[in-house]
Amino acid sequence: MSQTPALQLAPASGNPFRAFARLARLWLCAPDRGNARLLIAILLLLTAVQVGVQIGFNIWSRNFFNALENRDSIAFQAGIMLFLSLAVTSMTVAVNQLYLKQLIQLRWRGWLTRYLVEAWMRDGRQYQLELAGQGADNPDQRIAEDVRVATELAVEFVTGLLSALLMLIAFIGILWTLSGPLHLAMMGREVEIPGYMVWAALLYALLGSSLTWMVGRPMVTLNVKRTAAEADFRFGLTRARESGEGIAFIRGETDERRGLSATFERVAGNVRALMRSQRNLMWLTSAYGTLAMIFPTIVASPDYFAGVITLGGLMQIGAAFGQVQAALNWFVDNFPRIAE
């Protein structure tokens, strides 16, 4: 029996990112891909537009808070109108981004499901897999659930990472220009650190990402075990339903309930372990996110009190730092889904 490429996509010991890339290449090069490439191109364009809107918000924050500091009512009113225009544009882009992303996920899942079902049902392969025993881990449930998870998370991963990279490229230059150099006296000499807010953002994100990886790494294995346990439990329920007549005939309800309870206990045990891991990670991410709200203002405040920057400049630096930090912290914010 020859294997189809579909069944070789993601071996247990393989690289999941390479498997995702092979899944995407198969779909985008398939004759029946439909308008998949066009949808992806539009989604990428909307992502770039959203980055441009965020740059507009950053410039707006400087002018708006300078108008407040100068008690300029005309500039203040103009700032409100500009904010409303940017907000409407941002919401419109975000809504269409979400719809396109979900549409791409659905189209990809539908194509991959048909592809795998065709391979599974070819030449009696579904029967031969049943005879393989432990070698076949609930292929029907894997097709139903794992295809959904794989395609949805792959699209989320790629679009989120692309958006973070574009934000980082756009705002790291802005933050470098706005923050200027920092002069420090060290060992009797004056040391100049150019673009010091950029370095502060890099160090802050590096610390958060490292701690997140250390604390959250067990979630990867726990998610794999939970998925397998959930599939076994669903399979047990399905088997009990399909074998209902035989179970009733031999009065085997007690044994079936005992078996299902034991299977569910494995599910519950894995969920409890995952909950503990998520709780530990939540302590870290909550502290990290809360501190991020005030960290850039504290770092930039000496220049403000020295009169080097205005209130609007301080707010713009804080907003740019937030965008850079958010882009660098994409790994921190999305680690639970990456682990899944």
C-alpha atoms as a PDB file:
ATOM      1  CA  MET A   1       0.000   0.000   0.000  1.00  0.00           C
ATOM      2  CA  SER A   2       1.586   3.300  -1.070  1.00  0.00           C
ATOM      3  CA  GLN A   3       1.359   6.363   1.119  1.00  0.00           C
ATOM      4  CA  THR A   4      -0.051   9.590  -0.257  1.00  0.00           C
ATOM      5  CA  PRO A   5       1.763  12.861   0.445  1.00  0.00           C
ATOM      6  CA  ALA A   6      -1.118  13.905   2.693  1.00  0.00           C
ATOM      7  CA  LEU A   7      -0.359  11.181   5.200  1.00  0.00           C
ATOM      8  CA  GLN A   8       3.316  12.143   5.338  1.00  0.00           C
ATOM      9  CA  LEU A   9       2.761  15.798   6.219  1.00  0.00           C
ATOM     10  CA  ALA A  10       3.400  15.810   9.947  1.00  0.00           C
ATOM     11  CA  PRO A  11       5.287  12.858  11.375  1.00  0.00           C
ATOM     12  CA  ALA A  12       5.427  12.705  15.134  1.00  0.00           C
ATOM     13  CA  SER A  13       9.116  13.576  15.204  1.00  0.00           C
ATOM     14  CA  GLY A  14       8.862  16.293  12.532  1.00  0.00           C
ATOM     15  CA  ASN A  15       9.084  20.062  12.750  1.00  0.00           C
ATOM     16  CA  PRO A  16       5.549  21.513  13.134  1.00  0.00           C
ATOM     17  CA  PHE A  17       6.483  24.756  11.357  1.00  0.00           C
ATOM     18  CA  ARG A  18       7.812  22.805   8.383  1.00  0.00           C
ATOM     19  CA  ALA A  19       4.612  20.752   8.371  1.00  0.00           C
ATOM     20  CA  PHE A  20       2.516  23.953   8.322  1.00  0.00           C
ATOM     21  CA  ALA A  21       4.593  25.250   5.411  1.00  0.00           C
ATOM     22  CA  ARG A  22       4.020  22.010   3.476  1.00  0.00           C
ATOM     23  CA  LEU A  23       0.283  22.201   4.187  1.00  0.00           C
ATOM     24  CA  ALA A  24       0.156  25.759   2.885  1.00  0.00           C
ATOM     25  CA  ARG A  25       2.214  24.966  -0.214  1.00  0.00           C
ATOM     26  CA  LEU A  26      -0.020  22.009  -1.094  1.00  0.00           C
ATOM     27  CA  TRP A  27      -3.131  24.175  -0.824  1.00  0.00           C
ATOM     28  CA  LEU A  28      -1.815  27.262  -2.626  1.00  0.00           C
ATOM     29  CA  CYS A  29      -0.426  25.178  -5.503  1.00  0.00           C
ATOM     30  CA  ALA A  30      -3.465  22.894  -5.853  1.00  0.00           C
ATOM     31  CA  PRO A  31      -5.623  23.249  -9.004  1.00  0.00           C
ATOM     32  CA  ASP A  32      -8.773  23.452  -6.832  1.00  0.00           C
ATOM     33  CA  ARG A  33      -7.445  26.194  -4.502  1.00  0.00           C
ATOM     34  CA  GLY A  34     -10.055  28.690  -5.737  1.00  0.00           C
ATOM     35  CA  ASN A  35      -9.251  32.349  -4.995  1.00  0.00           C
ATOM     36  CA  ALA A  36      -7.023  31.530  -2.017  1.00  0.00           C
ATOM     37  CA  ARG A  37      -4.076  33.588  -3.268  1.00  0.00           C
ATOM     38  CA  LEU A  38      -6.253  36.654  -3.855  1.00  0.00           C
ATOM     39  CA  LEU A  39      -7.752  36.426  -0.363  1.00  0.00           C
ATOM     40  CA  ILE A  40      -4.307  36.187   1.197  1.00  0.00           C
ATOM     41  CA  ALA A  41      -3.060  39.169  -0.828  1.00  0.00           C
ATOM     42  CA  ILE A  42      -6.008  41.310   0.310  1.00  0.00           C
ATOM     43  CA  LEU A  43      -5.424  40.262   3.921  1.00  0.00           C
ATOM     44  CA  LEU A  44      -1.765  41.284   3.682  1.00  0.00           C
ATOM     45  CA  LEU A  45      -2.775  44.636   2.185  1.00  0.00           C
ATOM     46  CA  LEU A  46      -5.235  45.291   5.031  1.00  0.00           C
ATOM     47  CA  THR A  47      -2.509  44.429   7.540  1.00  0.00           C
ATOM     48  CA  ALA A  48      -0.210  47.039   5.985  1.00  0.00           C
ATOM     49  CA  VAL A  49      -3.031  49.627   6.014  1.00  0.00           C
ATOM     50  CA  GLN A  50      -3.642  48.943   9.716  1.00  0.00           C
ATOM     51  CA  VAL A  51       0.041  49.616  10.441  1.00  0.00           C
ATOM     52  CA  GLY A  52      -0.259  52.927   8.585  1.00  0.00           C
ATOM     53  CA  VAL A  53      -3.309  53.853  10.677  1.00  0.00           C
ATOM     54  CA  GLN A  54      -1.357  53.134  13.868  1.00  0.00           C
ATOM     55  CA  ILE A  55       1.409  55.470  12.681  1.00  0.00           C
ATOM     56  CA  GLY A  56      -1.302  58.094  12.194  1.00  0.00           C
ATOM     57  CA  PHE A  57      -2.491  57.551  15.769  1.00  0.00           C
ATOM     58  CA  ASN A  58       1.070  57.991  17.021  1.00  0.00           C
ATOM     59  CA  ILE A  59       1.479  61.372  15.279  1.00  0.00           C
ATOM     60  CA  TRP A  60      -2.000  62.374  16.459  1.00  0.00           C
ATOM     61  CA  SER A  61      -1.108  61.716  20.105  1.00  0.00           C
ATOM     62  CA  ARG A  62       1.779  64.202  19.952  1.00  0.00           C
ATOM     63  CA  ASN A  63      -0.302  66.991  18.399  1.00  0.00           C
ATOM     64  CA  PHE A  64      -3.333  66.316  20.603  1.00  0.00           C
ATOM     65  CA  PHE A  65      -1.477  66.470  23.919  1.00  0.00           C
ATOM     66  CA  ASN A  66       0.546  69.472  22.784  1.00  0.00           C
ATOM     67  CA  ALA A  67      -2.758  71.216  22.095  1.00  0.00           C
ATOM     68  CA  LEU A  68      -3.877  70.370  25.624  1.00  0.00           C
ATOM     69  CA  GLU A  69      -0.608  71.632  27.107  1.00  0.00           C
ATOM     70  CA  ASN A  70      -0.857  74.882  25.108  1.00  0.00           C
ATOM     71  CA  ARG A  71      -4.612  75.239  25.788  1.00  0.00           C
ATOM     72  CA  ASP A  72      -5.189  75.506  22.024  1.00  0.00           C
ATOM     73  CA  SER A  73      -8.913  74.817  21.614  1.00  0.00           C
ATOM     74  CA  ILE A  74      -8.871  74.970  17.800  1.00  0.00           C
ATOM     75  CA  ALA A  75      -6.074  72.386  17.541  1.00  0.00           C
ATOM     76  CA  PHE A  76      -7.856  70.338  20.219  1.00  0.00           C
ATOM     77  CA  GLN A  77     -11.094  70.220  18.192  1.00  0.00           C
ATOM     78  CA  ALA A  78      -9.177  69.367  15.008  1.00  0.00           C
ATOM     79  CA  GLY A  79      -7.491  66.560  16.928  1.00  0.00           C
ATOM     80  CA  ILE A  80     -10.857  65.123  17.935  1.00  0.00           C
ATOM     81  CA  MET A  81     -12.048  65.070  14.312  1.00  0.00           C
ATOM     82  CA  LEU A  82      -8.803  63.447  13.171  1.00  0.00           C
ATOM     83  CA  PHE A  83      -9.119  60.848  15.917  1.00  0.00           C
ATOM     84  CA  LEU A  84     -12.651  59.960  14.789  1.00  0.00           C
ATOM     85  CA  SER A  85     -11.467  59.559  11.188  1.00  0.00           C
ATOM     86  CA  LEU A  86      -8.580  57.320  12.242  1.00  0.00           C
ATOM     87  CA  ALA A  87     -10.846  55.323  14.542  1.00  0.00           C
ATOM     88  CA  VAL A  88     -13.424  54.663  11.796  1.00  0.00           C
ATOM     89  CA  THR A  89     -10.657  53.610   9.393  1.00  0.00           C
ATOM     90  CA  SER A  90      -9.071  51.333  11.993  1.00  0.00           C
ATOM     91  CA  MET A  91     -12.387  49.668  12.859  1.00  0.00           C
ATOM     92  CA  THR A  92     -13.270  49.150   9.184  1.00  0.00           C
ATOM     93  CA  VAL A  93      -9.916  47.556   8.451  1.00  0.00           C
ATOM     94  CA  ALA A  94     -10.051  45.404  11.611  1.00  0.00           C
ATOM     95  CA  VAL A  95     -13.539  44.073  10.807  1.00  0.00           C
ATOM     96  CA  ASN A  96     -12.569  43.142   7.255  1.00  0.00           C
ATOM     97  CA  GLN A  97      -9.294  41.633   8.481  1.00  0.00           C
ATOM     98  CA  LEU A  98     -11.191  39.367  10.848  1.00  0.00           C
ATOM     99  CA  TYR A  99     -13.694  38.280   8.182  1.00  0.00           C
ATOM    100  CA  LEU A 100     -10.982  37.551   5.600  1.00  0.00           C
ATOM    101  CA  LYS A 101      -8.891  35.658   8.127  1.00  0.00           C
ATOM    102  CA  GLN A 102     -11.843  33.467   9.094  1.00  0.00           C
ATOM    103  CA  LEU A 103     -12.723  32.925   5.424  1.00  0.00           C
ATOM    104  CA  ILE A 104      -9.157  31.805   4.641  1.00  0.00           C
ATOM    105  CA  GLN A 105      -9.249  29.458   7.637  1.00  0.00           C
ATOM    106  CA  LEU A 106     -12.541  27.945   6.456  1.00  0.00           C
ATOM    107  CA  ARG A 107     -11.391  27.549   2.835  1.00  0.00           C
ATOM    108  CA  TRP A 108      -8.110  25.934   3.903  1.00  0.00           C
ATOM    109  CA  ARG A 109      -9.805  23.608   6.364  1.00  0.00           C
ATOM    110  CA  GLY A 110     -12.372  22.545   3.753  1.00  0.00           C
ATOM    111  CA  TRP A 111      -9.712  21.792   1.152  1.00  0.00           C
ATOM    112  CA  LEU A 112      -7.471  19.899   3.591  1.00  0.00           C
ATOM    113  CA  THR A 113     -10.393  17.907   4.989  1.00  0.00           C
ATOM    114  CA  ARG A 114     -11.413  16.744   1.513  1.00  0.00           C
ATOM    115  CA  TYR A 115      -7.783  15.919   0.718  1.00  0.00           C
ATOM    116  CA  LEU A 116      -7.258  13.816   3.847  1.00  0.00           C
ATOM    117  CA  VAL A 117     -10.647  12.076   3.670  1.00  0.00           C
ATOM    118  CA  GLU A 118      -9.902  11.069   0.080  1.00  0.00           C
ATOM    119  CA  ALA A 119      -6.521   9.658   1.141  1.00  0.00           C
ATOM    120  CA  TRP A 120      -8.014   7.936   4.209  1.00  0.00           C
ATOM    121  CA  MET A 121     -10.823   6.249   2.260  1.00  0.00           C
ATOM    122  CA  ARG A 122      -8.720   5.176  -0.729  1.00  0.00           C
ATOM    123  CA  ASP A 123      -8.225   1.453  -1.427  1.00  0.00           C
ATOM    124  CA  GLY A 124      -9.711   0.375   1.889  1.00  0.00           C
ATOM    125  CA  ARG A 125      -7.069   2.276   3.847  1.00  0.00           C
ATOM    126  CA  GLN A 126      -9.547   3.200   6.603  1.00  0.00           C
ATOM    127  CA  TYR A 127     -10.078  -0.527   7.257  1.00  0.00           C
ATOM    128  CA  GLN A 128      -6.363  -1.296   7.228  1.00  0.00           C
ATOM    129  CA  LEU A 129      -5.724   1.516   9.733  1.00  0.00           C
ATOM    130  CA  GLU A 130      -8.273  -0.035  12.068  1.00  0.00           C
ATOM    131  CA  LEU A 131      -6.341  -3.314  11.896  1.00  0.00           C
ATOM    132  CA  ALA A 132      -3.141  -1.421  12.781  1.00  0.00           C
ATOM    133  CA  GLY A 133      -4.384  -1.019  16.365  1.00  0.00           C
ATOM    134  CA  GLN A 134      -2.326   1.455  18.362  1.00  0.00           C
ATOM    135  CA  GLY A 135      -0.591   2.652  15.226  1.00  0.00           C
ATOM    136  CA  ALA A 136      -3.723   4.569  14.200  1.00  0.00           C
ATOM    137  CA  ASP A 137      -4.682   7.219  16.778  1.00  0.00           C
ATOM    138  CA  ASN A 138      -8.365   7.900  15.996  1.00  0.00           C
ATOM    139  CA  PRO A 139      -7.864   9.080  12.388  1.00  0.00           C
ATOM    140  CA  ASP A 140     -11.509  10.138  12.017  1.00  0.00           C
ATOM    141  CA  GLN A 141     -11.353  12.390  15.077  1.00  0.00           C
ATOM    142  CA  ARG A 142      -7.933  13.679  14.055  1.00  0.00           C
ATOM    143  CA  ILE A 143      -9.301  14.736  10.677  1.00  0.00           C
ATOM    144  CA  ALA A 144     -12.279  16.451  12.313  1.00  0.00           C
ATOM    145  CA  GLU A 145     -10.405  18.237  15.115  1.00  0.00           C
ATOM    146  CA  ASP A 146      -6.717  18.464  14.259  1.00  0.00           C
ATOM    147  CA  VAL A 147      -7.344  19.859  10.770  1.00  0.00           C
ATOM    148  CA  ARG A 148      -9.450  22.636  12.308  1.00  0.00           C
ATOM    149  CA  VAL A 149      -6.841  23.458  14.949  1.00  0.00           C
ATOM    150  CA  ALA A 150      -3.913  23.269  12.529  1.00  0.00           C
ATOM    151  CA  THR A 151      -5.416  25.536   9.879  1.00  0.00           C
ATOM    152  CA  GLU A 152      -6.899  28.078  12.304  1.00  0.00           C
ATOM    153  CA  LEU A 153      -3.738  28.423  14.364  1.00  0.00           C
ATOM    154  CA  ALA A 154      -1.499  28.502  11.291  1.00  0.00           C
ATOM    155  CA  VAL A 155      -3.410  31.486   9.862  1.00  0.00           C
ATOM    156  CA  GLU A 156      -3.475  33.183  13.278  1.00  0.00           C
ATOM    157  CA  PHE A 157       0.252  32.575  13.699  1.00  0.00           C
ATOM    158  CA  VAL A 158       1.292  33.930  10.294  1.00  0.00           C
ATOM    159  CA  THR A 159      -0.961  37.013  10.313  1.00  0.00           C
ATOM    160  CA  GLY A 160      -0.087  37.881  13.909  1.00  0.00           C
ATOM    161  CA  LEU A 161       3.638  37.489  13.339  1.00  0.00           C
ATOM    162  CA  LEU A 162       3.520  39.524  10.111  1.00  0.00           C
ATOM    163  CA  SER A 163       1.595  42.320  11.812  1.00  0.00           C
ATOM    164  CA  ALA A 164       4.090  42.354  14.699  1.00  0.00           C
ATOM    165  CA  LEU A 165       7.050  42.543  12.302  1.00  0.00           C
ATOM    166  CA  LEU A 166       5.513  45.430  10.322  1.00  0.00           C
ATOM    167  CA  MET A 167       4.721  47.290  13.543  1.00  0.00           C
ATOM    168  CA  LEU A 168       8.269  46.742  14.778  1.00  0.00           C
ATOM    169  CA  ILE A 169       9.826  48.011  11.535  1.00  0.00           C
ATOM    170  CA  ALA A 170       7.551  51.082  11.442  1.00  0.00           C
ATOM    171  CA  PHE A 171       7.796  52.157  15.073  1.00  0.00           C
ATOM    172  CA  ILE A 172      11.373  51.296  15.952  1.00  0.00           C
ATOM    173  CA  GLY A 173      12.530  54.107  13.655  1.00  0.00           C
ATOM    174  CA  ILE A 174       9.997  56.508  15.160  1.00  0.00           C
ATOM    175  CA  LEU A 175      11.058  55.604  18.703  1.00  0.00           C
ATOM    176  CA  TRP A 176      14.751  55.915  17.828  1.00  0.00           C
ATOM    177  CA  THR A 177      14.216  59.426  16.444  1.00  0.00           C
ATOM    178  CA  LEU A 178      11.973  60.601  19.282  1.00  0.00           C
ATOM    179  CA  SER A 179      14.025  59.299  22.206  1.00  0.00           C
ATOM    180  CA  GLY A 180      17.349  60.754  21.102  1.00  0.00           C
ATOM    181  CA  PRO A 181      20.578  60.059  23.018  1.00  0.00           C
ATOM    182  CA  LEU A 182      20.906  59.368  26.734  1.00  0.00           C
ATOM    183  CA  HIS A 183      23.977  60.778  28.514  1.00  0.00           C
ATOM    184  CA  LEU A 184      25.294  58.856  31.501  1.00  0.00           C
ATOM    185  CA  ALA A 185      28.297  59.507  33.725  1.00  0.00           C
ATOM    186  CA  MET A 186      30.233  56.283  34.262  1.00  0.00           C
ATOM    187  CA  MET A 187      33.619  56.053  35.964  1.00  0.00           C
ATOM    188  CA  GLY A 188      34.300  59.741  35.463  1.00  0.00           C
ATOM    189  CA  ARG A 189      33.404  59.646  31.770  1.00  0.00           C
ATOM    190  CA  GLU A 190      30.240  60.613  29.945  1.00  0.00           C
ATOM    191  CA  VAL A 191      28.690  57.813  27.911  1.00  0.00           C
ATOM    192  CA  GLU A 192      26.136  58.527  25.183  1.00  0.00           C
ATOM    193  CA  ILE A 193      23.494  55.888  24.347  1.00  0.00           C
ATOM    194  CA  PRO A 194      21.710  56.796  21.067  1.00  0.00           C
ATOM    195  CA  GLY A 195      18.034  55.853  20.784  1.00  0.00           C
ATOM    196  CA  TYR A 196      18.006  54.695  24.385  1.00  0.00           C
ATOM    197  CA  MET A 197      14.249  54.000  24.424  1.00  0.00           C
ATOM    198  CA  VAL A 198      14.728  51.415  21.664  1.00  0.00           C
ATOM    199  CA  TRP A 199      17.310  49.589  23.773  1.00  0.00           C
ATOM    200  CA  ALA A 200      15.011  49.807  26.804  1.00  0.00           C
ATOM    201  CA  ALA A 201      12.190  48.226  24.762  1.00  0.00           C
ATOM    202  CA  LEU A 202      14.496  45.474  23.475  1.00  0.00           C
ATOM    203  CA  LEU A 203      15.762  44.607  26.956  1.00  0.00           C
ATOM    204  CA  TYR A 204      12.241  44.657  28.408  1.00  0.00           C
ATOM    205  CA  ALA A 205      10.908  42.361  25.673  1.00  0.00           C
ATOM    206  CA  LEU A 206      13.917  40.037  25.874  1.00  0.00           C
ATOM    207  CA  LEU A 207      13.445  39.620  29.614  1.00  0.00           C
ATOM    208  CA  GLY A 208       9.712  38.954  29.222  1.00  0.00           C
ATOM    209  CA  SER A 209      10.160  36.485  26.350  1.00  0.00           C
ATOM    210  CA  SER A 210      12.858  34.542  28.187  1.00  0.00           C
ATOM    211  CA  LEU A 211      10.793  34.244  31.361  1.00  0.00           C
ATOM    212  CA  THR A 212       7.697  33.293  29.362  1.00  0.00           C
ATOM    213  CA  TRP A 213       9.562  30.487  27.597  1.00  0.00           C
ATOM    214  CA  MET A 214      10.941  29.170  30.874  1.00  0.00           C
ATOM    215  CA  VAL A 215       7.577  29.246  32.662  1.00  0.00           C
ATOM    216  CA  GLY A 216       5.326  28.219  29.766  1.00  0.00           C
ATOM    217  CA  ARG A 217       7.399  25.555  27.998  1.00  0.00           C
ATOM    218  CA  PRO A 218       5.631  22.617  29.752  1.00  0.00           C
ATOM    219  CA  MET A 219       2.360  23.732  28.098  1.00  0.00           C
ATOM    220  CA  VAL A 220       3.526  22.360  24.741  1.00  0.00           C
ATOM    221  CA  THR A 221       3.728  18.766  25.986  1.00  0.00           C
ATOM    222  CA  LEU A 222       0.591  19.176  28.097  1.00  0.00           C
ATOM    223  CA  ASN A 223      -1.429  20.320  25.072  1.00  0.00           C
ATOM    224  CA  VAL A 224      -0.289  17.310  23.049  1.00  0.00           C
ATOM    225  CA  LYS A 225      -1.295  14.929  25.846  1.00  0.00           C
ATOM    226  CA  ARG A 226      -4.638  16.681  26.321  1.00  0.00           C
ATOM    227  CA  THR A 227      -5.492  16.451  22.612  1.00  0.00           C
ATOM    228  CA  ALA A 228      -4.761  12.706  22.603  1.00  0.00           C
ATOM    229  CA  ALA A 229      -6.788  12.142  25.800  1.00  0.00           C
ATOM    230  CA  GLU A 230      -9.754  14.130  24.450  1.00  0.00           C
ATOM    231  CA  ALA A 231      -9.695  12.091  21.228  1.00  0.00           C
ATOM    232  CA  ASP A 232      -9.636   8.828  23.193  1.00  0.00           C
ATOM    233  CA  PHE A 233     -12.599   9.962  25.294  1.00  0.00           C
ATOM    234  CA  ARG A 234     -14.648  10.963  22.241  1.00  0.00           C
ATOM    235  CA  PHE A 235     -13.798   7.655  20.593  1.00  0.00           C
ATOM    236  CA  GLY A 236     -14.922   5.752  23.714  1.00  0.00           C
ATOM    237  CA  LEU A 237     -18.263   7.561  23.729  1.00  0.00           C
ATOM    238  CA  THR A 238     -18.754   6.911  20.011  1.00  0.00           C
ATOM    239  CA  ARG A 239     -17.895   3.224  20.411  1.00  0.00           C
ATOM    240  CA  ALA A 240     -20.324   2.905  23.333  1.00  0.00           C
ATOM    241  CA  ARG A 241     -23.102   4.445  21.245  1.00  0.00           C
ATOM    242  CA  GLU A 242     -22.436   2.265  18.227  1.00  0.00           C
ATOM    243  CA  SER A 243     -22.145  -0.882  20.370  1.00  0.00           C
ATOM    244  CA  GLY A 244     -25.211  -0.063  22.479  1.00  0.00           C
ATOM    245  CA  GLU A 245     -27.116  -3.197  21.518  1.00  0.00           C
ATOM    246  CA  GLY A 246     -24.233  -5.544  22.357  1.00  0.00           C
ATOM    247  CA  ILE A 247     -23.519  -3.784  25.657  1.00  0.00           C
ATOM    248  CA  ALA A 248     -27.160  -4.033  26.676  1.00  0.00           C
ATOM    249  CA  PHE A 249     -27.305  -7.699  25.640  1.00  0.00           C
ATOM    250  CA  ILE A 250     -24.413  -8.740  27.897  1.00  0.00           C
ATOM    251  CA  ARG A 251     -25.326  -6.251  30.656  1.00  0.00           C
ATOM    252  CA  GLY A 252     -21.964  -4.541  30.219  1.00  0.00           C
ATOM    253  CA  GLU A 253     -23.066  -1.049  31.243  1.00  0.00           C
ATOM    254  CA  THR A 254     -21.063  -1.099  34.483  1.00  0.00           C
ATOM    255  CA  ASP A 255     -17.830  -2.004  32.745  1.00  0.00           C
ATOM    256  CA  GLU A 256     -18.436   0.606  30.051  1.00  0.00           C
ATOM    257  CA  ARG A 257     -19.103   3.306  32.636  1.00  0.00           C
ATOM    258  CA  ARG A 258     -15.933   2.322  34.476  1.00  0.00           C
ATOM    259  CA  GLY A 259     -13.908   2.486  31.268  1.00  0.00           C
ATOM    260  CA  LEU A 260     -15.357   5.840  30.249  1.00  0.00           C
ATOM    261  CA  SER A 261     -14.766   7.247  33.724  1.00  0.00           C
ATOM    262  CA  ALA A 262     -11.137   6.160  33.624  1.00  0.00           C
ATOM    263  CA  THR A 263     -10.709   7.725  30.181  1.00  0.00           C
ATOM    264  CA  PHE A 264     -12.266  10.981  31.357  1.00  0.00           C
ATOM    265  CA  GLU A 265     -10.018  11.012  34.426  1.00  0.00           C
ATOM    266  CA  ARG A 266      -7.047  11.055  32.062  1.00  0.00           C
ATOM    267  CA  VAL A 267      -8.627  14.033  30.302  1.00  0.00           C
ATOM    268  CA  ALA A 268      -9.280  15.784  33.621  1.00  0.00           C
ATOM    269  CA  GLY A 269      -5.747  15.095  34.839  1.00  0.00           C
ATOM    270  CA  ASN A 270      -4.248  16.646  31.734  1.00  0.00           C
ATOM    271  CA  VAL A 271      -6.584  19.643  31.970  1.00  0.00           C
ATOM    272  CA  ARG A 272      -5.640  20.204  35.627  1.00  0.00           C
ATOM    273  CA  ALA A 273      -1.941  20.108  34.765  1.00  0.00           C
ATOM    274  CA  LEU A 274      -2.552  22.572  31.923  1.00  0.00           C
ATOM    275  CA  MET A 275      -4.522  24.843  34.259  1.00  0.00           C
ATOM    276  CA  ARG A 276      -1.625  24.952  36.720  1.00  0.00           C
ATOM    277  CA  SER A 277       0.808  25.798  33.942  1.00  0.00           C
ATOM    278  CA  GLN A 278      -1.489  28.529  32.616  1.00  0.00           C
ATOM    279  CA  ARG A 279      -1.898  29.943  36.126  1.00  0.00           C
ATOM    280  CA  ASN A 280       1.867  30.237  36.530  1.00  0.00           C
ATOM    281  CA  LEU A 281       2.167  31.901  33.136  1.00  0.00           C
ATOM    282  CA  MET A 282      -0.696  34.278  33.950  1.00  0.00           C
ATOM    283  CA  TRP A 283       1.176  35.570  37.017  1.00  0.00           C
ATOM    284  CA  LEU A 284       4.094  36.476  34.790  1.00  0.00           C
ATOM    285  CA  THR A 285       2.159  38.005  31.891  1.00  0.00           C
ATOM    286  CA  SER A 286      -0.098  40.045  34.203  1.00  0.00           C
ATOM    287  CA  ALA A 287       2.856  41.567  36.044  1.00  0.00           C
ATOM    288  CA  TYR A 288       4.676  42.133  32.766  1.00  0.00           C
ATOM    289  CA  GLY A 289       1.712  43.839  31.086  1.00  0.00           C
ATOM    290  CA  THR A 290       0.891  46.014  34.101  1.00  0.00           C
ATOM    291  CA  LEU A 291       4.459  47.300  34.408  1.00  0.00           C
ATOM    292  CA  ALA A 292       4.540  48.030  30.652  1.00  0.00           C
ATOM    293  CA  MET A 293       1.831  50.685  31.094  1.00  0.00           C
ATOM    294  CA  ILE A 294       4.125  52.961  33.125  1.00  0.00           C
ATOM    295  CA  PHE A 295       7.626  51.790  32.182  1.00  0.00           C
ATOM    296  CA  PRO A 296       8.144  54.037  29.077  1.00  0.00           C
ATOM    297  CA  THR A 297       6.849  57.132  30.896  1.00  0.00           C
ATOM    298  CA  ILE A 298       9.255  56.536  33.775  1.00  0.00           C
ATOM    299  CA  VAL A 299      12.209  56.023  31.412  1.00  0.00           C
ATOM    300  CA  ALA A 300      11.419  59.137  29.321  1.00  0.00           C
ATOM    301  CA  SER A 301      10.361  61.402  32.212  1.00  0.00           C
ATOM    302  CA  PRO A 302      13.844  62.897  32.870  1.00  0.00           C
ATOM    303  CA  ASP A 303      13.806  64.535  29.410  1.00  0.00           C
ATOM    304  CA  TYR A 304      10.312  65.883  30.059  1.00  0.00           C
ATOM    305  CA  PHE A 305      11.194  67.411  33.424  1.00  0.00           C
ATOM    306  CA  ALA A 306      14.357  68.868  31.897  1.00  0.00           C
ATOM    307  CA  GLY A 307      12.260  70.582  29.230  1.00  0.00           C
ATOM    308  CA  VAL A 308      13.821  68.634  26.362  1.00  0.00           C
ATOM    309  CA  ILE A 309      10.441  67.244  25.216  1.00  0.00           C
ATOM    310  CA  THR A 310       6.866  68.484  25.513  1.00  0.00           C
ATOM    311  CA  LEU A 311       3.910  66.641  27.015  1.00  0.00           C
ATOM    312  CA  GLY A 312       2.880  65.655  23.486  1.00  0.00           C
ATOM    313  CA  GLY A 313       6.384  64.353  22.836  1.00  0.00           C
ATOM    314  CA  LEU A 314       6.247  62.326  26.061  1.00  0.00           C
ATOM    315  CA  MET A 315       2.908  60.821  25.062  1.00  0.00           C
ATOM    316  CA  GLN A 316       4.177  60.074  21.551  1.00  0.00           C
ATOM    317  CA  ILE A 317       7.262  58.347  22.947  1.00  0.00           C
ATOM    318  CA  GLY A 318       5.066  56.305  25.281  1.00  0.00           C
ATOM    319  CA  ALA A 319       2.760  55.302  22.417  1.00  0.00           C
ATOM    320  CA  ALA A 320       5.672  54.407  20.107  1.00  0.00           C
ATOM    321  CA  PHE A 321       7.334  52.436  22.902  1.00  0.00           C
ATOM    322  CA  GLY A 322       4.056  50.597  23.449  1.00  0.00           C
ATOM    323  CA  GLN A 323       3.859  49.605  19.781  1.00  0.00           C
ATOM    324  CA  VAL A 324       7.495  48.451  19.682  1.00  0.00           C
ATOM    325  CA  GLN A 325       7.090  46.584  22.941  1.00  0.00           C
ATOM    326  CA  ALA A 326       3.822  44.985  21.749  1.00  0.00           C
ATOM    327  CA  ALA A 327       5.506  43.828  18.537  1.00  0.00           C
ATOM    328  CA  LEU A 328       8.484  42.420  20.428  1.00  0.00           C
ATOM    329  CA  ASN A 329       6.131  40.840  22.966  1.00  0.00           C
ATOM    330  CA  TRP A 330       4.085  38.990  20.366  1.00  0.00           C
ATOM    331  CA  PHE A 331       5.759  35.804  21.571  1.00  0.00           C
ATOM    332  CA  VAL A 332       4.833  36.565  25.201  1.00  0.00           C
ATOM    333  CA  ASP A 333       1.210  37.411  24.433  1.00  0.00           C
ATOM    334  CA  ASN A 334       0.618  34.445  22.129  1.00  0.00           C
ATOM    335  CA  PHE A 335       2.612  31.719  23.843  1.00  0.00           C
ATOM    336  CA  PRO A 336      -0.476  29.779  25.064  1.00  0.00           C
ATOM    337  CA  ARG A 337      -1.780  29.548  21.477  1.00  0.00           C
ATOM    338  CA  ILE A 338       1.694  28.735  20.132  1.00  0.00           C
ATOM    339  CA  ALA A 339       1.901  25.960  22.714  1.00  0.00           C
ATOM    340  CA  GLU A 340      -1.520  24.703  21.591  1.00  0.00           C
END
